[in-house]
Structures are given as C-alpha cells and as structure tokens.
Amino acid sequence: MNGQAIIEQLETRRKELGMTDEAFARLLGISRPLWSQLRSGRRRLTLAVLRRILRTFPDWEEAVLALLREEA
C-alpha cells in the first residue's frame, strides 16, 4: 500500500463520518492546511502524521506497517 492509498482511505473515512476537512484534520491532530496538502499530494505522509493516524484509527495498523515496509 502506498501513501496515496492511505490518504484516499482517510478521505473516504472523512466522508463516511460526515466531517468537514477542518474537523477531520482536528480529529487527526494536524492542521487543515497540512490535510489539504496531503490530499493534493503536495506533501508526503511523515512518520509523525502516521502516528497520529494510528492514534485516531488503531485498526489501520496493518496498512501503515505495509507502507513503512514498502518505503524501507
């Protein structure tokens, strides 16, 4: 799984939850501009952002680990 696939899954989850970009970014513990940059591909997922994703969605551990293995 690549970083863009995780972003796409996050966007799907945001829509399922009926959240605005700002509210979803706050849920993840990141800024709205950073969320926007991640979605558009202008920024890559960092380890710090991946940690925040796992804190918010612990069931995504396998997807995040697959990404880390792929990038190693």
C-alpha atoms as a PDB file:
ATOM      1  CA  MET A   1       0.000   0.000   0.000  1.00  0.00           C
ATOM      2  CA  ASN A   2       1.342   3.430  -0.829  1.00  0.00           C
ATOM      3  CA  GLY A   3       0.874   6.748   0.922  1.00  0.00           C
ATOM      4  CA  GLN A   4      -1.683   7.991  -1.575  1.00  0.00           C
ATOM      5  CA  ALA A   5      -3.834   4.909  -0.935  1.00  0.00           C
ATOM      6  CA  ILE A   6      -3.853   5.711   2.785  1.00  0.00           C
ATOM      7  CA  ILE A   7      -4.831   9.319   2.028  1.00  0.00           C
ATOM      8  CA  GLU A   8      -7.666   8.065  -0.186  1.00  0.00           C
ATOM      9  CA  GLN A   9      -8.863   5.781   2.620  1.00  0.00           C
ATOM     10  CA  LEU A  10      -8.710   8.698   5.047  1.00  0.00           C
ATOM     11  CA  GLU A  11     -10.767  10.811   2.656  1.00  0.00           C
ATOM     12  CA  THR A  12     -13.333   8.010   2.409  1.00  0.00           C
ATOM     13  CA  ARG A  13     -13.468   7.785   6.207  1.00  0.00           C
ATOM     14  CA  ARG A  14     -13.883  11.579   6.468  1.00  0.00           C
ATOM     15  CA  LYS A  15     -16.877  11.420   4.130  1.00  0.00           C
ATOM     16  CA  GLU A  16     -18.359   8.433   5.995  1.00  0.00           C
ATOM     17  CA  LEU A  17     -18.119  10.411   9.225  1.00  0.00           C
ATOM     18  CA  GLY A  18     -19.690  13.442   7.551  1.00  0.00           C
ATOM     19  CA  MET A  19     -16.876  15.679   8.701  1.00  0.00           C
ATOM     20  CA  THR A  20     -15.514  18.847   7.146  1.00  0.00           C
ATOM     21  CA  ASP A  21     -11.842  18.968   6.222  1.00  0.00           C
ATOM     22  CA  GLU A  22     -11.190  21.191   9.214  1.00  0.00           C
ATOM     23  CA  ALA A  23     -12.970  18.900  11.672  1.00  0.00           C
ATOM     24  CA  PHE A  24     -11.248  15.814  10.263  1.00  0.00           C
ATOM     25  CA  ALA A  25      -7.825  17.448  10.441  1.00  0.00           C
ATOM     26  CA  ARG A  26      -8.543  18.368  14.067  1.00  0.00           C
ATOM     27  CA  LEU A  27      -9.571  14.741  14.754  1.00  0.00           C
ATOM     28  CA  LEU A  28      -6.231  13.568  13.337  1.00  0.00           C
ATOM     29  CA  GLY A  29      -4.353  16.228  15.299  1.00  0.00           C
ATOM     30  CA  ILE A  30      -2.995  18.018  12.236  1.00  0.00           C
ATOM     31  CA  SER A  31      -3.706  21.401  10.679  1.00  0.00           C
ATOM     32  CA  ARG A  32      -6.271  21.844   7.937  1.00  0.00           C
ATOM     33  CA  PRO A  33      -3.617  23.184   5.529  1.00  0.00           C
ATOM     34  CA  LEU A  34      -1.490  20.077   6.126  1.00  0.00           C
ATOM     35  CA  TRP A  35      -4.511  17.828   5.500  1.00  0.00           C
ATOM     36  CA  SER A  36      -5.185  19.722   2.266  1.00  0.00           C
ATOM     37  CA  GLN A  37      -1.550  19.347   1.169  1.00  0.00           C
ATOM     38  CA  LEU A  38      -1.576  15.623   1.929  1.00  0.00           C
ATOM     39  CA  ARG A  39      -4.794  15.132  -0.043  1.00  0.00           C
ATOM     40  CA  SER A  40      -3.456  17.018  -3.049  1.00  0.00           C
ATOM     41  CA  GLY A  41      -0.124  15.172  -2.997  1.00  0.00           C
ATOM     42  CA  ARG A  42       1.922  18.305  -2.323  1.00  0.00           C
ATOM     43  CA  ARG A  43       3.147  16.764   0.948  1.00  0.00           C
ATOM     44  CA  ARG A  44       4.030  13.185   1.764  1.00  0.00           C
ATOM     45  CA  LEU A  45       2.994  11.284   4.837  1.00  0.00           C
ATOM     46  CA  THR A  46       5.580  11.623   7.578  1.00  0.00           C
ATOM     47  CA  LEU A  47       6.168   9.332  10.498  1.00  0.00           C
ATOM     48  CA  ALA A  48       4.589  11.932  12.805  1.00  0.00           C
ATOM     49  CA  VAL A  49       1.404  12.011  10.697  1.00  0.00           C
ATOM     50  CA  LEU A  50       1.305   8.207  10.519  1.00  0.00           C
ATOM     51  CA  ARG A  51       1.488   8.104  14.332  1.00  0.00           C
ATOM     52  CA  ARG A  52      -1.460  10.470  14.541  1.00  0.00           C
ATOM     53  CA  ILE A  53      -3.421   8.343  12.076  1.00  0.00           C
ATOM     54  CA  LEU A  54      -2.777   5.252  14.207  1.00  0.00           C
ATOM     55  CA  ARG A  55      -3.822   7.050  17.383  1.00  0.00           C
ATOM     56  CA  THR A  56      -7.076   8.017  15.701  1.00  0.00           C
ATOM     57  CA  PHE A  57      -7.655   4.779  13.786  1.00  0.00           C
ATOM     58  CA  PRO A  58      -5.765   1.949  15.551  1.00  0.00           C
ATOM     59  CA  ASP A  59      -7.369  -0.604  13.223  1.00  0.00           C
ATOM     60  CA  TRP A  60      -5.215   0.807  10.375  1.00  0.00           C
ATOM     61  CA  GLU A  61      -2.038  -0.642  11.863  1.00  0.00           C
ATOM     62  CA  GLU A  62      -1.561  -3.227   9.087  1.00  0.00           C
ATOM     63  CA  ALA A  63      -1.934  -0.633   6.315  1.00  0.00           C
ATOM     64  CA  VAL A  64       0.540   1.732   7.979  1.00  0.00           C
ATOM     65  CA  LEU A  65       3.039  -1.064   8.614  1.00  0.00           C
ATOM     66  CA  ALA A  66       2.743  -2.155   4.960  1.00  0.00           C
ATOM     67  CA  LEU A  67       3.523   1.398   3.871  1.00  0.00           C
ATOM     68  CA  LEU A  68       6.554   1.583   6.166  1.00  0.00           C
ATOM     69  CA  ARG A  69       7.839  -1.770   4.885  1.00  0.00           C
ATOM     70  CA  GLU A  70       7.374  -0.609   1.312  1.00  0.00           C
ATOM     71  CA  GLU A  71       9.343   2.584   1.900  1.00  0.00           C
ATOM     72  CA  ALA A  72      12.148   0.871   3.826  1.00  0.00           C
END
